[in-house]
C-alpha atoms as a PDB file:
ATOM      1  CA  ASP A   1      11.323  -8.206  21.508  1.00  0.00           C
ATOM      2  CA  ALA A   2       8.192  -8.618  19.396  1.00  0.00           C
ATOM      3  CA  MET A   3       6.259  -6.151  21.533  1.00  0.00           C
ATOM      4  CA  SER A   4       8.612  -3.333  20.531  1.00  0.00           C
ATOM      5  CA  LEU A   5       8.230  -3.934  16.792  1.00  0.00           C
ATOM      6  CA  GLY A   6       5.489  -1.369  16.287  1.00  0.00           C
ATOM      7  CA  VAL A   7       4.780   1.361  13.787  1.00  0.00           C
ATOM      8  CA  PHE A   8       7.150   4.143  12.860  1.00  0.00           C
ATOM      9  CA  PHE A   9       6.592   7.275  10.808  1.00  0.00           C
ATOM     10  CA  PRO A  10       9.280   9.852   9.948  1.00  0.00           C
ATOM     11  CA  PRO A  11       8.850  13.432  11.188  1.00  0.00           C
ATOM     12  CA  ILE A  12       6.509  15.686   9.237  1.00  0.00           C
ATOM     13  CA  LYS A  13       8.514  18.215   7.220  1.00  0.00           C
ATOM     14  CA  PRO A  14       7.456  21.509   5.609  1.00  0.00           C
ATOM     15  CA  TYR A  15       6.022  21.085   2.124  1.00  0.00           C
ATOM     16  CA  ALA A  16       8.774  23.092   0.408  1.00  0.00           C
ATOM     17  CA  GLU A  17      11.457  20.881   1.940  1.00  0.00           C
ATOM     18  CA  MET A  18       9.623  17.674   1.034  1.00  0.00           C
ATOM     19  CA  ALA A  19       9.045  18.809  -2.542  1.00  0.00           C
ATOM     20  CA  GLU A  20      12.691  19.816  -2.953  1.00  0.00           C
ATOM     21  CA  ARG A  21      13.981  16.504  -1.605  1.00  0.00           C
ATOM     22  CA  PHE A  22      11.513  14.196  -3.372  1.00  0.00           C
ATOM     23  CA  LEU A  23      13.649  13.363  -6.409  1.00  0.00           C
ATOM     24  CA  PRO A  24      17.104  13.462  -4.751  1.00  0.00           C
ATOM     25  CA  ASP A  25      15.908  11.087  -2.039  1.00  0.00           C
ATOM     26  CA  LEU A  26      14.846   8.551  -4.679  1.00  0.00           C
ATOM     27  CA  MET A  27      17.990   8.535  -6.791  1.00  0.00           C
ATOM     28  CA  ASP A  28      19.907   5.835  -4.951  1.00  0.00           C
ATOM     29  CA  TYR A  29      16.830   3.601  -5.038  1.00  0.00           C
ATOM     30  CA  TYR A  30      16.539   4.085  -8.796  1.00  0.00           C
ATOM     31  CA  GLN A  31      20.225   3.600  -9.478  1.00  0.00           C
ATOM     32  CA  SER A  32      20.653   0.566  -7.191  1.00  0.00           C
ATOM     33  CA  PRO A  33      17.249  -1.065  -6.572  1.00  0.00           C
ATOM     34  CA  GLU A  34      18.844  -4.333  -5.487  1.00  0.00           C
ATOM     35  CA  LYS A  35      20.114  -2.582  -2.336  1.00  0.00           C
ATOM     36  CA  TYR A  36      16.478  -2.178  -1.317  1.00  0.00           C
ATOM     37  CA  ALA A  37      15.399  -5.742  -2.014  1.00  0.00           C
ATOM     38  CA  LEU A  38      13.729  -7.696   0.795  1.00  0.00           C
ATOM     39  CA  PRO A  39      13.437 -11.490   0.574  1.00  0.00           C
ATOM     40  CA  PRO A  40       9.821 -12.572   0.109  1.00  0.00           C
ATOM     41  CA  PHE A  41       8.194 -14.385   2.997  1.00  0.00           C
ATOM     42  CA  ARG A  42       4.972 -15.858   4.275  1.00  0.00           C
ATOM     43  CA  ILE A  43       3.223 -13.497   6.694  1.00  0.00           C
ATOM     44  CA  PHE A  44       0.565 -16.001   7.704  1.00  0.00           C
ATOM     45  CA  GLY A  45      -1.203 -18.839   5.933  1.00  0.00           C
ATOM     46  CA  ASN A  46      -1.985 -17.849   2.349  1.00  0.00           C
ATOM     47  CA  LEU A  47      -0.704 -14.257   2.726  1.00  0.00           C
ATOM     48  CA  TYR A  48       2.797 -13.285   1.563  1.00  0.00           C
ATOM     49  CA  TYR A  49       5.072 -10.232   1.372  1.00  0.00           C
ATOM     50  CA  VAL A  50       6.616  -9.657  -2.080  1.00  0.00           C
ATOM     51  CA  GLY A  51       7.575  -5.959  -1.886  1.00  0.00           C
ATOM     52  CA  ASP A  52      10.867  -4.296  -1.026  1.00  0.00           C
ATOM     53  CA  LYS A  53      12.203  -1.952   1.644  1.00  0.00           C
ATOM     54  CA  LYS A  54      10.573   1.121   0.055  1.00  0.00           C
ATOM     55  CA  VAL A  55       7.024   0.085  -0.763  1.00  0.00           C
ATOM     56  CA  CYS A  56       4.815  -2.844   0.208  1.00  0.00           C
ATOM     57  CA  CYS A  57       3.325  -5.418  -2.141  1.00  0.00           C
ATOM     58  CA  HIS A  58       1.312  -8.361  -0.831  1.00  0.00           C
ATOM     59  CA  LEU A  59       0.287 -11.629  -2.467  1.00  0.00           C
ATOM     60  CA  VAL A  60      -2.769 -13.714  -1.556  1.00  0.00           C
ATOM     61  CA  ASP A  61      -3.046 -17.318  -2.736  1.00  0.00           C
ATOM     62  CA  THR A  62      -6.790 -17.847  -3.093  1.00  0.00           C
ATOM     63  CA  GLY A  63      -6.572 -21.450  -4.268  1.00  0.00           C
ATOM     64  CA  ASN A  64      -7.998 -20.299  -7.595  1.00  0.00           C
ATOM     65  CA  GLY A  65      -5.367 -17.802  -8.667  1.00  0.00           C
ATOM     66  CA  LEU A  66      -3.345 -15.047  -7.036  1.00  0.00           C
ATOM     67  CA  ILE A  67      -4.344 -11.575  -5.880  1.00  0.00           C
ATOM     68  CA  LEU A  68      -1.561  -8.982  -5.819  1.00  0.00           C
ATOM     69  CA  ILE A  69      -2.124  -5.884  -3.679  1.00  0.00           C
ATOM     70  CA  ASP A  70      -0.070  -3.004  -5.129  1.00  0.00           C
ATOM     71  CA  THR A  71       2.904  -3.443  -7.456  1.00  0.00           C
ATOM     72  CA  GLY A  72       5.497  -0.866  -6.362  1.00  0.00           C
ATOM     73  CA  TYR A  73       7.719   1.335  -8.530  1.00  0.00           C
ATOM     74  CA  SER A  74       8.069   0.602 -12.254  1.00  0.00           C
ATOM     75  CA  HIS A  75      11.853   0.108 -12.084  1.00  0.00           C
ATOM     76  CA  THR A  76      11.472  -2.790  -9.597  1.00  0.00           C
ATOM     77  CA  PHE A  77       9.516  -5.089 -11.928  1.00  0.00           C
ATOM     78  CA  HIS A  78      12.364  -7.604 -11.933  1.00  0.00           C
ATOM     79  CA  LEU A  79      12.481  -7.654  -8.117  1.00  0.00           C
ATOM     80  CA  LEU A  80       8.722  -8.173  -7.828  1.00  0.00           C
ATOM     81  CA  VAL A  81       8.627 -11.054 -10.330  1.00  0.00           C
ATOM     82  CA  GLN A  82      11.719 -12.574  -8.747  1.00  0.00           C
ATOM     83  CA  ASN A  83      10.063 -12.477  -5.313  1.00  0.00           C
ATOM     84  CA  ILE A  84       6.866 -14.068  -6.575  1.00  0.00           C
ATOM     85  CA  ARG A  85       8.792 -16.876  -8.249  1.00  0.00           C
ATOM     86  CA  ALA A  86      11.029 -17.377  -5.187  1.00  0.00           C
ATOM     87  CA  LEU A  87       7.923 -18.271  -3.175  1.00  0.00           C
ATOM     88  CA  GLY A  88       7.067 -20.992  -5.683  1.00  0.00           C
ATOM     89  CA  PHE A  89       4.336 -19.062  -7.497  1.00  0.00           C
ATOM     90  CA  ASP A  90       4.064 -18.194 -11.174  1.00  0.00           C
ATOM     91  CA  PRO A  91       3.231 -14.562 -12.104  1.00  0.00           C
ATOM     92  CA  LYS A  92       0.955 -15.859 -14.862  1.00  0.00           C
ATOM     93  CA  ASP A  93      -1.387 -17.021 -12.099  1.00  0.00           C
ATOM     94  CA  ILE A  94      -2.013 -13.455 -10.909  1.00  0.00           C
ATOM     95  CA  ARG A  95      -5.702 -12.935 -11.651  1.00  0.00           C
ATOM     96  CA  TYR A  96      -6.332  -9.630  -9.874  1.00  0.00           C
ATOM     97  CA  ILE A  97      -4.174  -6.605  -9.073  1.00  0.00           C
ATOM     98  CA  ILE A  98      -5.768  -4.387  -6.434  1.00  0.00           C
ATOM     99  CA  HIS A  99      -4.412  -0.866  -6.016  1.00  0.00           C
ATOM    100  CA  SER A 100      -4.455   1.019  -2.750  1.00  0.00           C
ATOM    101  CA  HIS A 101      -4.571   4.372  -4.567  1.00  0.00           C
ATOM    102  CA  GLY A 102      -3.532   6.136  -7.761  1.00  0.00           C
ATOM    103  CA  HIS A 103       0.123   7.080  -7.206  1.00  0.00           C
ATOM    104  CA  PHE A 104       2.974   5.839  -9.390  1.00  0.00           C
ATOM    105  CA  ASP A 105       4.871   4.181  -6.551  1.00  0.00           C
ATOM    106  CA  HIS A 106       1.991   1.762  -5.975  1.00  0.00           C
ATOM    107  CA  PHE A 107       0.970   0.867  -9.546  1.00  0.00           C
ATOM    108  CA  GLY A 108       4.381   1.024 -11.253  1.00  0.00           C
ATOM    109  CA  CYS A 109       4.591  -2.635 -12.287  1.00  0.00           C
ATOM    110  CA  SER A 110       0.904  -3.085 -13.071  1.00  0.00           C
ATOM    111  CA  TYR A 111       1.085  -2.238 -16.778  1.00  0.00           C
ATOM    112  CA  PRO A 112       3.789  -4.824 -17.628  1.00  0.00           C
ATOM    113  CA  LEU A 113       2.052  -7.439 -15.465  1.00  0.00           C
ATOM    114  CA  LYS A 114      -1.276  -6.809 -17.191  1.00  0.00           C
ATOM    115  CA  SER A 115       0.390  -6.798 -20.623  1.00  0.00           C
ATOM    116  CA  ARG A 116       2.142 -10.107 -20.028  1.00  0.00           C
ATOM    117  CA  TYR A 117      -0.405 -12.035 -17.980  1.00  0.00           C
ATOM    118  CA  GLY A 118      -3.799 -10.409 -18.543  1.00  0.00           C
ATOM    119  CA  CYS A 119      -4.388  -9.510 -14.878  1.00  0.00           C
ATOM    120  CA  LYS A 120      -7.598  -7.616 -14.075  1.00  0.00           C
ATOM    121  CA  ILE A 121      -6.854  -4.267 -12.403  1.00  0.00           C
ATOM    122  CA  PHE A 122      -8.848  -2.637  -9.593  1.00  0.00           C
ATOM    123  CA  MET A 123      -8.577   0.929  -8.246  1.00  0.00           C
ATOM    124  CA  GLY A 124     -10.787   3.290  -6.246  1.00  0.00           C
ATOM    125  CA  LYS A 125     -13.224   5.125  -8.549  1.00  0.00           C
ATOM    126  CA  PRO A 126     -12.322   8.658  -7.376  1.00  0.00           C
ATOM    127  CA  ASP A 127      -8.674   8.071  -8.317  1.00  0.00           C
ATOM    128  CA  VAL A 128      -9.645   6.441 -11.623  1.00  0.00           C
ATOM    129  CA  ASP A 129     -11.746   9.507 -12.455  1.00  0.00           C
ATOM    130  CA  ARG A 130      -9.064  11.938 -11.287  1.00  0.00           C
ATOM    131  CA  LEU A 131      -6.336  10.253 -13.336  1.00  0.00           C
ATOM    132  CA  ARG A 132      -8.550  10.455 -16.405  1.00  0.00           C
ATOM    133  CA  ILE A 133      -9.057  14.188 -15.871  1.00  0.00           C
ATOM    134  CA  ASN A 134      -5.508  14.985 -14.773  1.00  0.00           C
ATOM    135  CA  PRO A 135      -2.892  12.228 -15.226  1.00  0.00           C
ATOM    136  CA  ARG A 136      -0.320  14.420 -13.438  1.00  0.00           C
ATOM    137  CA  THR A 137      -1.930  13.443 -10.122  1.00  0.00           C
ATOM    138  CA  ALA A 138      -0.263  10.041 -10.540  1.00  0.00           C
ATOM    139  CA  LEU A 139       2.993  11.984  -9.837  1.00  0.00           C
ATOM    140  CA  MET A 140       4.883  10.065 -12.506  1.00  0.00           C
ATOM    141  CA  HIS A 141       6.638  13.290 -13.533  1.00  0.00           C
ATOM    142  CA  LEU A 142       8.372  13.196 -10.134  1.00  0.00           C
ATOM    143  CA  SER A 143       9.928   9.843 -10.975  1.00  0.00           C
ATOM    144  CA  PRO A 144      13.552   9.682 -12.176  1.00  0.00           C
ATOM    145  CA  GLU A 145      12.514   6.703 -14.348  1.00  0.00           C
ATOM    146  CA  PRO A 146      10.753   7.917 -17.538  1.00  0.00           C
ATOM    147  CA  TYR A 147       9.030   4.759 -18.788  1.00  0.00           C
ATOM    148  CA  GLY A 148       6.181   4.241 -16.336  1.00  0.00           C
ATOM    149  CA  VAL A 149       2.630   3.834 -17.642  1.00  0.00           C
ATOM    150  CA  ILE A 150      -0.672   4.418 -15.868  1.00  0.00           C
ATOM    151  CA  PRO A 151      -2.437   1.046 -16.176  1.00  0.00           C
ATOM    152  CA  ALA A 152      -5.961   0.817 -17.551  1.00  0.00           C
ATOM    153  CA  THR A 153      -8.376   0.017 -14.716  1.00  0.00           C
ATOM    154  CA  ASP A 154     -10.862  -2.799 -15.304  1.00  0.00           C
ATOM    155  CA  VAL A 155     -12.911  -2.294 -12.126  1.00  0.00           C
ATOM    156  CA  ALA A 156     -13.416   1.088 -10.457  1.00  0.00           C
ATOM    157  CA  LEU A 157     -13.984   0.301  -6.781  1.00  0.00           C
ATOM    158  CA  THR A 158     -16.605   1.981  -4.614  1.00  0.00           C
ATOM    159  CA  ASP A 159     -17.252   1.812  -0.889  1.00  0.00           C
ATOM    160  CA  GLY A 160     -18.611  -1.569   0.155  1.00  0.00           C
ATOM    161  CA  ASP A 161     -17.529  -3.532  -2.912  1.00  0.00           C
ATOM    162  CA  ILE A 162     -16.514  -7.163  -2.363  1.00  0.00           C
ATOM    163  CA  ILE A 163     -13.746  -8.690  -4.487  1.00  0.00           C
ATOM    164  CA  THR A 164     -14.086 -12.477  -4.507  1.00  0.00           C
ATOM    165  CA  LEU A 165     -11.651 -15.026  -5.869  1.00  0.00           C
ATOM    166  CA  GLY A 166     -11.255 -18.616  -4.723  1.00  0.00           C
ATOM    167  CA  ASN A 167     -11.315 -18.810  -0.930  1.00  0.00           C
ATOM    168  CA  THR A 168     -10.869 -15.038  -0.465  1.00  0.00           C
ATOM    169  CA  ALA A 169     -13.423 -12.224  -0.208  1.00  0.00           C
ATOM    170  CA  ILE A 170     -11.951  -8.733   0.172  1.00  0.00           C
ATOM    171  CA  ARG A 171     -14.224  -5.985   1.513  1.00  0.00           C
ATOM    172  CA  CYS A 172     -13.350  -2.575   0.089  1.00  0.00           C
ATOM    173  CA  VAL A 173     -13.870   0.565   2.172  1.00  0.00           C
ATOM    174  CA  ALA A 174     -13.428   4.106   0.868  1.00  0.00           C
ATOM    175  CA  ALA A 175     -10.676   5.724   2.959  1.00  0.00           C
ATOM    176  CA  PRO A 176      -9.919   9.161   1.421  1.00  0.00           C
ATOM    177  CA  GLY A 177      -7.290  11.592   2.627  1.00  0.00           C
ATOM    178  CA  HIS A 178      -3.923  10.829   1.060  1.00  0.00           C
ATOM    179  CA  THR A 179      -5.836  10.820  -2.245  1.00  0.00           C
ATOM    180  CA  GLU A 180      -9.536  11.028  -3.007  1.00  0.00           C
ATOM    181  CA  GLY A 181      -9.653   7.358  -3.936  1.00  0.00           C
ATOM    182  CA  VAL A 182      -7.621   5.643  -1.226  1.00  0.00           C
ATOM    183  CA  MET A 183      -9.154   2.311  -0.291  1.00  0.00           C
ATOM    184  CA  ALA A 184      -8.883   0.108   2.780  1.00  0.00           C
ATOM    185  CA  PHE A 185      -9.141  -3.657   2.357  1.00  0.00           C
ATOM    186  CA  PHE A 186     -10.318  -6.254   4.872  1.00  0.00           C
ATOM    187  CA  PHE A 187     -10.190 -10.016   4.395  1.00  0.00           C
ATOM    188  CA  ASP A 188      -9.487 -13.335   6.120  1.00  0.00           C
ATOM    189  CA  VAL A 189      -6.430 -15.533   5.640  1.00  0.00           C
ATOM    190  CA  THR A 190      -5.934 -19.052   6.909  1.00  0.00           C
ATOM    191  CA  ASP A 191      -3.201 -21.597   7.498  1.00  0.00           C
ATOM    192  CA  GLY A 192      -5.737 -24.423   7.368  1.00  0.00           C
ATOM    193  CA  VAL A 193      -6.223 -24.408  11.134  1.00  0.00           C
ATOM    194  CA  ASP A 194      -6.546 -20.801  12.266  1.00  0.00           C
ATOM    195  CA  THR A 195      -8.138 -17.850  10.498  1.00  0.00           C
ATOM    196  CA  LYS A 196      -6.912 -14.278  10.944  1.00  0.00           C
ATOM    197  CA  ARG A 197      -8.485 -10.976   9.911  1.00  0.00           C
ATOM    198  CA  VAL A 198      -6.266  -8.735   7.785  1.00  0.00           C
ATOM    199  CA  GLY A 199      -6.528  -4.961   7.553  1.00  0.00           C
ATOM    200  CA  TYR A 200      -4.826  -2.734   4.982  1.00  0.00           C
ATOM    201  CA  TRP A 201      -5.259   1.046   4.849  1.00  0.00           C
ATOM    202  CA  GLY A 202      -3.974   2.151   1.476  1.00  0.00           C
ATOM    203  CA  GLY A 203      -2.516   5.604   2.140  1.00  0.00           C
ATOM    204  CA  MET A 204      -1.409   7.500   5.248  1.00  0.00           C
ATOM    205  CA  GLY A 205       1.088  10.072   3.971  1.00  0.00           C
ATOM    206  CA  PHE A 206       0.607  13.831   4.373  1.00  0.00           C
ATOM    207  CA  PHE A 207       2.740  15.146   1.493  1.00  0.00           C
ATOM    208  CA  THR A 208      -0.291  15.149  -0.833  1.00  0.00           C
ATOM    209  CA  MET A 209      -2.490  16.980   1.675  1.00  0.00           C
ATOM    210  CA  HIS A 210      -0.402  20.149   2.009  1.00  0.00           C
ATOM    211  CA  ARG A 211      -2.363  23.150   0.750  1.00  0.00           C
ATOM    212  CA  PRO A 212       0.243  24.156  -1.911  1.00  0.00           C
ATOM    213  CA  TYR A 213       0.058  20.630  -3.322  1.00  0.00           C
ATOM    214  CA  LEU A 214      -3.751  20.572  -3.354  1.00  0.00           C
ATOM    215  CA  GLN A 215      -3.843  23.946  -5.074  1.00  0.00           C
ATOM    216  CA  GLU A 216      -1.225  22.978  -7.663  1.00  0.00           C
ATOM    217  CA  TYR A 217      -3.102  19.815  -8.655  1.00  0.00           C
ATOM    218  CA  ASN A 218      -6.586  21.320  -8.319  1.00  0.00           C
ATOM    219  CA  LEU A 219      -7.611  18.856  -5.609  1.00  0.00           C
ATOM    220  CA  PRO A 220     -10.179  19.362  -2.837  1.00  0.00           C
ATOM    221  CA  LEU A 221      -8.723  21.454  -0.024  1.00  0.00           C
ATOM    222  CA  ASP A 222     -10.609  19.461   2.599  1.00  0.00           C
ATOM    223  CA  LEU A 223      -8.758  16.158   2.073  1.00  0.00           C
ATOM    224  CA  PRO A 224      -7.187  16.404   5.578  1.00  0.00           C
ATOM    225  CA  GLN A 225     -10.686  16.544   7.056  1.00  0.00           C
ATOM    226  CA  HIS A 226     -11.626  13.499   4.999  1.00  0.00           C
ATOM    227  CA  MET A 227      -8.728  11.645   6.617  1.00  0.00           C
ATOM    228  CA  VAL A 228     -10.117  12.567  10.051  1.00  0.00           C
ATOM    229  CA  GLN A 229     -13.357  10.804   9.134  1.00  0.00           C
ATOM    230  CA  THR A 230     -11.464   7.884   7.628  1.00  0.00           C
ATOM    231  CA  ILE A 231      -9.652   7.222  10.908  1.00  0.00           C
ATOM    232  CA  LYS A 232     -12.934   7.264  12.830  1.00  0.00           C
ATOM    233  CA  LEU A 233     -14.396   4.769  10.374  1.00  0.00           C
ATOM    234  CA  LEU A 234     -11.410   2.420  10.423  1.00  0.00           C
ATOM    235  CA  ARG A 235     -11.438   2.244  14.232  1.00  0.00           C
ATOM    236  CA  LYS A 236     -14.530   0.044  13.946  1.00  0.00           C
ATOM    237  CA  GLU A 237     -12.489  -2.809  12.511  1.00  0.00           C
ATOM    238  CA  GLN A 238     -11.093  -5.675  14.590  1.00  0.00           C
ATOM    239  CA  ILE A 239      -7.820  -6.680  12.952  1.00  0.00           C
ATOM    240  CA  ASP A 240      -5.360  -9.487  13.708  1.00  0.00           C
ATOM    241  CA  ILE A 241      -2.786  -8.677  10.999  1.00  0.00           C
ATOM    242  CA  THR A 242      -2.051  -5.071  10.022  1.00  0.00           C
ATOM    243  CA  LEU A 243      -0.411  -4.617   6.636  1.00  0.00           C
ATOM    244  CA  GLY A 244       1.628  -1.571   5.700  1.00  0.00           C
ATOM    245  CA  ASN A 245       1.362   0.591   2.614  1.00  0.00           C
ATOM    246  CA  HIS A 246       5.041   1.395   3.132  1.00  0.00           C
ATOM    247  CA  PRO A 247       7.145  -0.806   5.438  1.00  0.00           C
ATOM    248  CA  ALA A 248       7.311   1.788   8.225  1.00  0.00           C
ATOM    249  CA  ASN A 249       3.533   1.773   8.635  1.00  0.00           C
ATOM    250  CA  ASN A 250       3.531  -1.561  10.452  1.00  0.00           C
ATOM    251  CA  GLY A 251       7.239  -2.156  11.107  1.00  0.00           C
ATOM    252  CA  THR A 252       7.527  -4.678   8.255  1.00  0.00           C
ATOM    253  CA  ILE A 253      11.322  -4.801   8.109  1.00  0.00           C
ATOM    254  CA  ALA A 254      11.869  -5.127  11.855  1.00  0.00           C
ATOM    255  CA  LYS A 255       9.128  -7.746  12.097  1.00  0.00           C
ATOM    256  CA  TYR A 256      10.652  -9.714   9.235  1.00  0.00           C
ATOM    257  CA  ALA A 257      14.064  -9.724  10.956  1.00  0.00           C
ATOM    258  CA  TYR A 258      12.501 -10.833  14.235  1.00  0.00           C
ATOM    259  CA  PHE A 259      10.400 -13.512  12.529  1.00  0.00           C
ATOM    260  CA  LYS A 260      13.494 -15.018  10.899  1.00  0.00           C
ATOM    261  CA  GLN A 261      15.085 -15.465  14.316  1.00  0.00           C
ATOM    262  CA  HIS A 262      11.870 -16.502  16.110  1.00  0.00           C
ATOM    263  CA  PRO A 263       9.711 -18.459  13.643  1.00  0.00           C
ATOM    264  CA  GLU A 264       7.610 -19.768  16.508  1.00  0.00           C
ATOM    265  CA  ASP A 265       6.539 -16.232  17.503  1.00  0.00           C
ATOM    266  CA  ASN A 266       4.859 -14.425  14.606  1.00  0.00           C
ATOM    267  CA  PRO A 267       5.074 -10.644  15.201  1.00  0.00           C
ATOM    268  CA  PHE A 268       2.686  -9.907  12.335  1.00  0.00           C
ATOM    269  CA  VAL A 269      -0.178 -11.516  14.236  1.00  0.00           C
ATOM    270  CA  ASP A 270      -0.837  -8.775  16.779  1.00  0.00           C
ATOM    271  CA  ALA A 271      -4.316  -7.393  17.389  1.00  0.00           C
ATOM    272  CA  THR A 272      -2.915  -4.220  19.000  1.00  0.00           C
ATOM    273  CA  VAL A 273      -1.081  -2.883  15.939  1.00  0.00           C
ATOM    274  CA  TRP A 274      -4.148  -1.655  14.011  1.00  0.00           C
ATOM    275  CA  GLU A 275      -5.205   0.653  16.841  1.00  0.00           C
ATOM    276  CA  GLU A 276      -1.603   1.722  17.467  1.00  0.00           C
ATOM    277  CA  MET A 277      -1.229   2.663  13.816  1.00  0.00           C
ATOM    278  CA  LEU A 278      -4.470   4.661  13.815  1.00  0.00           C
ATOM    279  CA  ASP A 279      -3.495   6.421  17.063  1.00  0.00           C
ATOM    280  CA  THR A 280      -0.132   7.371  15.564  1.00  0.00           C
ATOM    281  CA  VAL A 281      -1.640   8.716  12.348  1.00  0.00           C
ATOM    282  CA  GLN A 282      -4.323  10.597  14.313  1.00  0.00           C
ATOM    283  CA  ALA A 283      -1.756  12.360  16.485  1.00  0.00           C
ATOM    284  CA  ARG A 284       0.310  13.298  13.438  1.00  0.00           C
ATOM    285  CA  LEU A 285      -2.793  14.433  11.569  1.00  0.00           C
ATOM    286  CA  ASP A 286      -3.892  16.683  14.448  1.00  0.00           C
ATOM    287  CA  ASP A 287      -0.471  18.352  14.403  1.00  0.00           C
ATOM    288  CA  PHE A 288      -0.501  18.589  10.605  1.00  0.00           C
ATOM    289  CA  ILE A 289      -3.933  20.240  10.492  1.00  0.00           C
ATOM    290  CA  ALA A 290      -2.984  22.690  13.237  1.00  0.00           C
ATOM    291  CA  LYS A 291       0.099  23.806  11.289  1.00  0.00           C
ATOM    292  CA  ASN A 292      -1.041  23.554   7.688  1.00  0.00           C
ATOM    293  CA  CYS A 293      -4.809  23.935   7.396  1.00  0.00           C
END
């Protein structure tokens, strides 16, 4: 039932194993992206899912243009545009693209979208600065697809910034750990009758916090401790709808399947999921720090 459609994270693996498997585990996705397509759908009110089964992308209809949160891998541009159009929207109406952090799997389609439609691009300032100093931290060299481009950022976000467009005001909170510039976003959505508070934490993975990784890319060794503080900060939020950075973070795929069968019972509107997600990441982080830091 809907109550069982919670968060799920895969087991934490040793860094050497994760690094060795990174490219091989992506090959099927790159060779057959259509196998990983997920039909777009309305989550609630003016909030929509337009990503796939690998990485989340969300669309907000502000009444005065569209906001797209993350754009996925570069080789899925056709799937992203197809999903946006399938919902009845036109990609040329995307005004803002907001990035959760500076990794290639979350900004992959941003350059072609900006080139075609003139979208304004937002990213956390620490990641903007880091990518300028060392573009390798985008991890594009780990991609089997060679044509990705790091998009030029128009607005470098800092803690407390508010992004306003139409009927939507998104509060930006610095949430470092996965990268230095991970952001969390908080905003309201409405169906015209009810209003729900949305929470999105832009990066929860541990691969980029292993000490060998931090040393290789000349990153701060205390990023795991920054994530500890991030979790404490994010616990202050009261959230009705928890979005995922990847579908497993909030059970996107299972919730979508349930929602199709039970349209009267929206599993995405669940005020318990935010705390459940933070509890899960905290427990994993404690174990990670004990073994790796």
